[in-house]
Amino acid sequence: MVELMHEDVVFEPVSTELATREPYTGRDGMRQYLADLTRTWAEFRVTIHEYSAVGDGVLARGRVYSRSASPAFIADNEIAFVWRLRDGGIIHGRAYTDQHEAEAELRAASD
């Protein structure tokens, strides 16, 4: 996943009851994000069921399932990601729990 990222990528993940997430910057930031997920969740799966492209952006819709080891917590929710591309890599990404908000951001940025 990190290899798909532009070296200056910024990723804005969703915060949860178990972890408040700030934006992650650069490929090292993405590696840190993945390490943070491993520390927070015993199991973490994202399943994408639909992609849409508009201009330099991609909307990916799906579900995220996460389970913590302790304290016991399970989340199974819809998720959407808006990815912006530059020079063959992902320069910006943001996760949304509201798919309509993600769609609106993709449309607004392409105008």
Protein backbone atom coordinates (compact mmCIF):
# COMPACT_ATOMS: atom_id res chain seq x y z
CA MET A 1 0.00 0.00 0.00
CA VAL A 2 2.77 2.44 0.90
CA GLU A 3 4.38 2.05 -2.52
CA LEU A 4 1.20 3.45 -4.14
CA MET A 5 1.61 6.67 -2.18
CA HIS A 6 3.31 9.83 -3.41
CA GLU A 7 6.27 10.70 -1.18
CA ASP A 8 4.34 13.77 0.09
CA VAL A 9 1.06 11.94 0.75
CA VAL A 10 -1.28 13.11 3.50
CA PHE A 11 -3.83 10.61 4.84
CA GLU A 12 -6.71 11.61 7.13
CA PRO A 13 -8.11 8.48 8.81
CA VAL A 14 -11.28 8.17 10.85
CA SER A 15 -10.96 8.36 14.63
CA THR A 16 -12.77 5.81 16.77
CA GLU A 17 -13.74 5.33 20.40
CA LEU A 18 -10.45 3.49 20.89
CA ALA A 19 -8.10 5.77 18.99
CA THR A 20 -8.04 9.39 17.96
CA ARG A 21 -6.18 9.70 14.68
CA GLU A 22 -4.44 12.77 13.33
CA PRO A 23 -3.36 13.08 9.68
CA TYR A 24 -0.35 11.00 8.64
CA THR A 25 2.20 12.57 6.30
CA GLY A 26 4.60 10.99 3.82
CA ARG A 27 5.36 7.34 3.24
CA ASP A 28 6.83 7.05 6.74
CA GLY A 29 3.56 8.46 8.05
CA MET A 30 1.63 5.76 6.18
CA ARG A 31 3.89 3.11 7.66
CA GLN A 32 3.18 4.60 11.09
CA TYR A 33 -0.58 4.52 10.38
CA LEU A 34 -0.41 0.83 9.51
CA ALA A 35 1.64 0.15 12.67
CA ASP A 36 -0.91 2.12 14.72
CA LEU A 37 -3.73 -0.01 13.28
CA THR A 38 -1.86 -3.15 14.31
CA ARG A 39 -1.45 -1.83 17.86
CA THR A 40 -5.10 -0.79 18.16
CA TRP A 41 -6.90 -3.67 16.46
CA ALA A 42 -6.54 -7.43 16.76
CA GLU A 43 -8.38 -7.65 13.43
CA PHE A 44 -8.89 -4.93 10.81
CA ARG A 45 -10.43 -5.50 7.36
CA VAL A 46 -11.51 -3.10 4.66
CA THR A 47 -13.63 -4.47 1.81
CA ILE A 48 -14.22 -2.16 -1.15
CA HIS A 49 -17.28 -2.89 -3.29
CA GLU A 50 -17.42 0.16 -5.57
CA TYR A 51 -14.99 2.60 -7.18
CA SER A 52 -15.80 5.88 -8.96
CA ALA A 53 -13.32 8.21 -10.67
CA VAL A 54 -13.78 11.95 -11.14
CA GLY A 55 -10.89 14.03 -12.47
CA ASP A 56 -7.80 13.25 -10.40
CA GLY A 57 -9.87 11.67 -7.62
CA VAL A 58 -11.16 8.21 -6.79
CA LEU A 59 -14.02 7.38 -4.45
CA ALA A 60 -13.82 3.90 -2.94
CA ARG A 61 -16.89 2.67 -1.02
CA GLY A 62 -17.09 -0.35 1.18
CA ARG A 63 -17.11 -1.67 4.74
CA VAL A 64 -14.61 -1.69 7.54
CA TYR A 65 -14.61 -4.40 10.19
CA SER A 66 -12.41 -3.98 13.23
CA ARG A 67 -12.10 -5.91 16.47
CA SER A 68 -9.97 -5.01 19.44
CA ALA A 69 -8.49 -7.58 21.79
CA SER A 70 -8.90 -5.64 25.02
CA PRO A 71 -11.14 -3.99 25.84
CA ALA A 72 -13.48 -5.98 23.65
CA PHE A 73 -14.87 -3.71 20.93
CA ILE A 74 -16.20 -4.53 17.48
CA ALA A 75 -17.02 -2.07 14.71
CA ASP A 76 -18.61 -3.05 11.40
CA ASN A 77 -19.50 0.05 9.39
CA GLU A 78 -19.77 1.52 5.95
CA ILE A 79 -16.69 3.48 4.91
CA ALA A 80 -15.66 5.62 1.99
CA PHE A 81 -12.25 6.85 0.94
CA VAL A 82 -11.46 9.77 -1.35
CA TRP A 83 -8.03 9.42 -2.94
CA ARG A 84 -6.35 12.20 -4.96
CA LEU A 85 -3.66 11.29 -7.46
CA ARG A 86 -0.58 13.17 -8.64
CA ASP A 87 2.40 12.01 -10.70
CA GLY A 88 1.25 8.39 -10.63
CA GLY A 89 0.83 8.20 -6.85
CA ILE A 90 -1.72 8.99 -4.16
CA ILE A 91 -1.07 12.49 -2.82
CA HIS A 92 -4.04 12.76 -0.46
CA GLY A 93 -6.51 10.38 1.10
CA ARG A 94 -9.33 10.79 3.54
CA ALA A 95 -11.63 8.23 5.14
CA TYR A 96 -15.30 9.01 5.74
CA THR A 97 -17.99 7.28 7.74
CA ASP A 98 -20.59 9.26 5.76
CA GLN A 99 -20.53 8.19 2.11
CA HIS A 100 -22.55 11.24 1.02
CA GLU A 101 -19.94 13.54 2.54
CA ALA A 102 -17.22 11.66 0.63
CA GLU A 103 -19.16 12.02 -2.64
CA ALA A 104 -19.64 15.75 -2.03
CA GLU A 105 -15.92 16.24 -1.38
CA LEU A 106 -14.99 14.40 -4.56
CA ARG A 107 -17.42 16.47 -6.63
CA ALA A 108 -16.36 19.79 -5.05
CA ALA A 109 -12.67 19.15 -5.61
CA SER A 110 -13.22 18.29 -9.27
CA ASP A 111 -15.12 21.53 -10.01
